[in-house]
Amino acid sequence: MIFSKSCAILRKSIKDIINIVYYFKKLYTIIDWLGEIL
């Protein structure tokens, strides 16, 4: 029971990390794109 609970928490934190990385990649792409325009 405890093991499955920790697995669920781990899975959630991995998903959060992936979302953060994806967000920063998107942000970097937008900044890079703005740099091309300006």
N, C-alpha and C. Protein backbone atom coordinates (compact mmCIF):
# COMPACT_ATOMS: atom_id res chain seq x y z
N MET A 1 0.84 -1.21 0.00
CA MET A 1 0.00 0.00 0.00
C MET A 1 0.87 1.26 0.00
N ILE A 2 1.82 1.31 0.91
CA ILE A 2 2.71 2.47 1.00
C ILE A 2 3.54 2.59 -0.29
N PHE A 3 3.98 1.43 -0.80
CA PHE A 3 4.79 1.40 -2.02
C PHE A 3 4.03 1.99 -3.21
N SER A 4 2.78 1.56 -3.39
CA SER A 4 1.97 2.05 -4.51
C SER A 4 1.68 3.55 -4.37
N LYS A 5 1.55 4.01 -3.13
CA LYS A 5 1.31 5.43 -2.87
C LYS A 5 2.53 6.25 -3.27
N SER A 6 3.71 5.78 -2.89
CA SER A 6 4.95 6.48 -3.24
C SER A 6 5.18 6.46 -4.75
N CYS A 7 4.78 5.37 -5.40
CA CYS A 7 4.89 5.27 -6.86
C CYS A 7 4.00 6.32 -7.53
N ALA A 8 2.80 6.50 -6.99
CA ALA A 8 1.87 7.48 -7.54
C ALA A 8 2.42 8.90 -7.38
N ILE A 9 3.02 9.18 -6.22
CA ILE A 9 3.62 10.49 -5.95
C ILE A 9 4.79 10.72 -6.90
N LEU A 10 5.62 9.69 -7.08
CA LEU A 10 6.78 9.77 -7.97
C LEU A 10 6.32 10.03 -9.40
N ARG A 11 5.30 9.31 -9.83
CA ARG A 11 4.77 9.47 -11.19
C ARG A 11 4.26 10.89 -11.38
N LYS A 12 3.58 11.44 -10.37
CA LYS A 12 3.04 12.79 -10.44
C LYS A 12 4.17 13.82 -10.52
N SER A 13 5.21 13.64 -9.71
CA SER A 13 6.32 14.59 -9.71
C SER A 13 7.08 14.53 -11.03
N ILE A 14 7.20 13.35 -11.62
CA ILE A 14 7.85 13.21 -12.93
C ILE A 14 7.03 13.96 -13.98
N LYS A 15 5.71 13.83 -13.91
CA LYS A 15 4.82 14.53 -14.84
C LYS A 15 4.96 16.04 -14.68
N ASP A 16 5.07 16.51 -13.42
CA ASP A 16 5.25 17.94 -13.14
C ASP A 16 6.57 18.44 -13.74
N ILE A 17 7.64 17.65 -13.57
CA ILE A 17 8.95 18.02 -14.11
C ILE A 17 8.89 18.11 -15.63
N ILE A 18 8.24 17.15 -16.27
CA ILE A 18 8.09 17.15 -17.73
C ILE A 18 7.32 18.40 -18.18
N ASN A 19 6.26 18.74 -17.44
CA ASN A 19 5.47 19.94 -17.77
C ASN A 19 6.31 21.20 -17.66
N ILE A 20 7.14 21.29 -16.60
CA ILE A 20 8.00 22.46 -16.38
C ILE A 20 9.03 22.57 -17.51
N VAL A 21 9.65 21.44 -17.86
CA VAL A 21 10.64 21.42 -18.94
C VAL A 21 10.00 21.84 -20.26
N TYR A 22 8.81 21.32 -20.54
CA TYR A 22 8.08 21.66 -21.76
C TYR A 22 7.76 23.15 -21.80
N TYR A 23 7.33 23.71 -20.64
CA TYR A 23 7.00 25.13 -20.53
C TYR A 23 8.23 25.99 -20.82
N PHE A 24 9.38 25.62 -20.23
CA PHE A 24 10.59 26.40 -20.43
C PHE A 24 11.08 26.31 -21.88
N LYS A 25 10.93 25.15 -22.51
CA LYS A 25 11.31 25.00 -23.91
C LYS A 25 10.44 25.89 -24.79
N LYS A 26 9.15 25.95 -24.47
CA LYS A 26 8.21 26.79 -25.22
C LYS A 26 8.57 28.26 -25.03
N LEU A 27 8.88 28.63 -23.78
CA LEU A 27 9.26 30.00 -23.44
C LEU A 27 10.53 30.39 -24.18
N TYR A 28 11.52 29.49 -24.21
CA TYR A 28 12.78 29.74 -24.90
C TYR A 28 12.56 29.92 -26.39
N THR A 29 11.66 29.10 -26.97
CA THR A 29 11.34 29.20 -28.40
C THR A 29 10.72 30.55 -28.71
N ILE A 30 9.82 31.02 -27.84
CA ILE A 30 9.16 32.32 -28.04
C ILE A 30 10.19 33.45 -27.96
N ILE A 31 11.09 33.39 -26.97
CA ILE A 31 12.14 34.41 -26.81
C ILE A 31 13.05 34.41 -28.03
N ASP A 32 13.42 33.23 -28.51
CA ASP A 32 14.27 33.09 -29.69
C ASP A 32 13.58 33.68 -30.92
N TRP A 33 12.29 33.41 -31.04
CA TRP A 33 11.48 33.91 -32.15
C TRP A 33 11.36 35.43 -32.11
N LEU A 34 11.18 35.99 -30.90
CA LEU A 34 11.12 37.44 -30.73
C LEU A 34 12.46 38.07 -31.08
N GLY A 35 13.55 37.39 -30.72
CA GLY A 35 14.89 37.87 -31.06
C GLY A 35 15.10 37.97 -32.56
N GLU A 36 14.51 37.05 -33.31
CA GLU A 36 14.60 37.06 -34.77
C GLU A 36 13.87 38.27 -35.36
N ILE A 37 12.72 38.61 -34.76
CA ILE A 37 11.89 39.72 -35.25
C ILE A 37 12.53 41.07 -34.92
N LEU A 38 12.97 41.22 -33.67
CA LEU A 38 13.52 42.51 -33.22
C LEU A 38 14.93 42.77 -33.73
